[in-house]
Amino acid sequence: MYSVCLTNMMHEKPEIFAEWLENEKNKAVKPEPNPDTGEVPLTVGVAYKHFKDKKEKEEVKEARFEVEG
C-alpha cells in the first residue's frame, strides 16, 4: 500500500515527491566519527558503551574545570 502511494505521487506530482524524498533523507541521523579512533560510532554493544562513558567523564571534567578555574 505504502509503495503504491509513493509510486502514484512520484508520477502525478514529482515536485512534491522530490520534496518528500529530501525530507526523508534529512531525517536520517548521520553519526559523526569518533575523534579518538576516526571510526563511526557503534549504536549497540560494549564498545559503544565504553566510548559513551569516556565522553561523559571528559564532559564532567571540563565542567569542573570551568567552575573551579
Protein backbone atom coordinates (compact mmCIF):
# COMPACT_ATOMS: atom_id res chain seq x y z
CA MET A 1 0.00 0.00 0.00
CA TYR A 2 2.73 2.42 1.01
CA SER A 3 4.79 1.81 -2.13
CA VAL A 4 1.71 2.23 -4.34
CA CYS A 5 1.02 5.66 -2.81
CA LEU A 6 4.63 6.71 -3.33
CA THR A 7 4.62 5.50 -6.92
CA ASN A 8 1.41 7.42 -7.65
CA MET A 9 2.80 10.55 -6.01
CA MET A 10 6.05 10.20 -7.96
CA HIS A 11 4.24 10.07 -11.30
CA GLU A 12 1.44 12.55 -10.61
CA LYS A 13 3.26 15.19 -8.57
CA PRO A 14 7.04 14.87 -9.00
CA GLU A 15 7.82 18.19 -7.25
CA ILE A 16 6.00 17.09 -4.10
CA PHE A 17 7.67 13.69 -4.27
CA ALA A 18 11.11 15.32 -4.58
CA GLU A 19 10.39 17.50 -1.53
CA TRP A 20 9.13 14.50 0.45
CA LEU A 21 12.20 12.45 -0.53
CA GLU A 22 14.56 15.24 0.55
CA ASN A 23 12.78 15.46 3.91
CA GLU A 24 13.11 11.72 4.41
CA LYS A 25 16.84 11.87 3.67
CA ASN A 26 17.30 14.64 6.22
CA LYS A 27 15.50 12.63 8.90
CA ALA A 28 18.26 10.03 8.96
CA VAL A 29 20.73 10.57 11.76
CA LYS A 30 24.24 10.62 10.40
CA PRO A 31 26.73 9.59 13.09
CA GLU A 32 29.92 11.59 13.45
CA PRO A 33 33.26 9.76 13.51
CA ASN A 34 34.85 9.20 16.90
CA PRO A 35 37.69 11.74 17.35
CA ASP A 36 39.86 9.15 19.15
CA THR A 37 39.68 6.39 16.55
CA GLY A 38 38.20 8.00 13.46
CA GLU A 39 35.61 5.23 13.24
CA VAL A 40 31.88 5.77 13.01
CA PRO A 41 30.49 5.09 16.49
CA LEU A 42 28.53 1.94 17.16
CA THR A 43 24.93 2.16 18.22
CA VAL A 44 24.95 -1.02 20.29
CA GLY A 45 27.44 -3.12 22.12
CA VAL A 46 30.27 -2.89 24.61
CA ALA A 47 32.49 -0.58 22.54
CA TYR A 48 29.70 1.99 22.22
CA LYS A 49 29.16 1.98 25.99
CA HIS A 50 32.88 2.39 26.60
CA PHE A 51 33.19 5.41 24.31
CA LYS A 52 29.97 6.92 25.65
CA ASP A 53 31.16 6.58 29.26
CA LYS A 54 34.55 8.04 28.35
CA LYS A 55 32.93 11.03 26.66
CA GLU A 56 30.67 11.65 29.66
CA LYS A 57 33.68 11.58 32.02
CA GLU A 58 35.51 14.11 29.86
CA GLU A 59 32.47 16.39 29.84
CA VAL A 60 32.28 16.23 33.64
CA LYS A 61 35.99 17.05 33.94
CA GLU A 62 35.58 20.03 31.61
CA ALA A 63 32.57 21.28 33.57
CA ARG A 64 34.51 21.05 36.86
CA PHE A 65 37.45 22.90 35.33
CA GLU A 66 35.19 25.72 34.17
CA VAL A 67 33.58 26.05 37.60
CA GLU A 68 36.91 25.96 39.50
CA GLY A 69 39.04 27.88 37.01
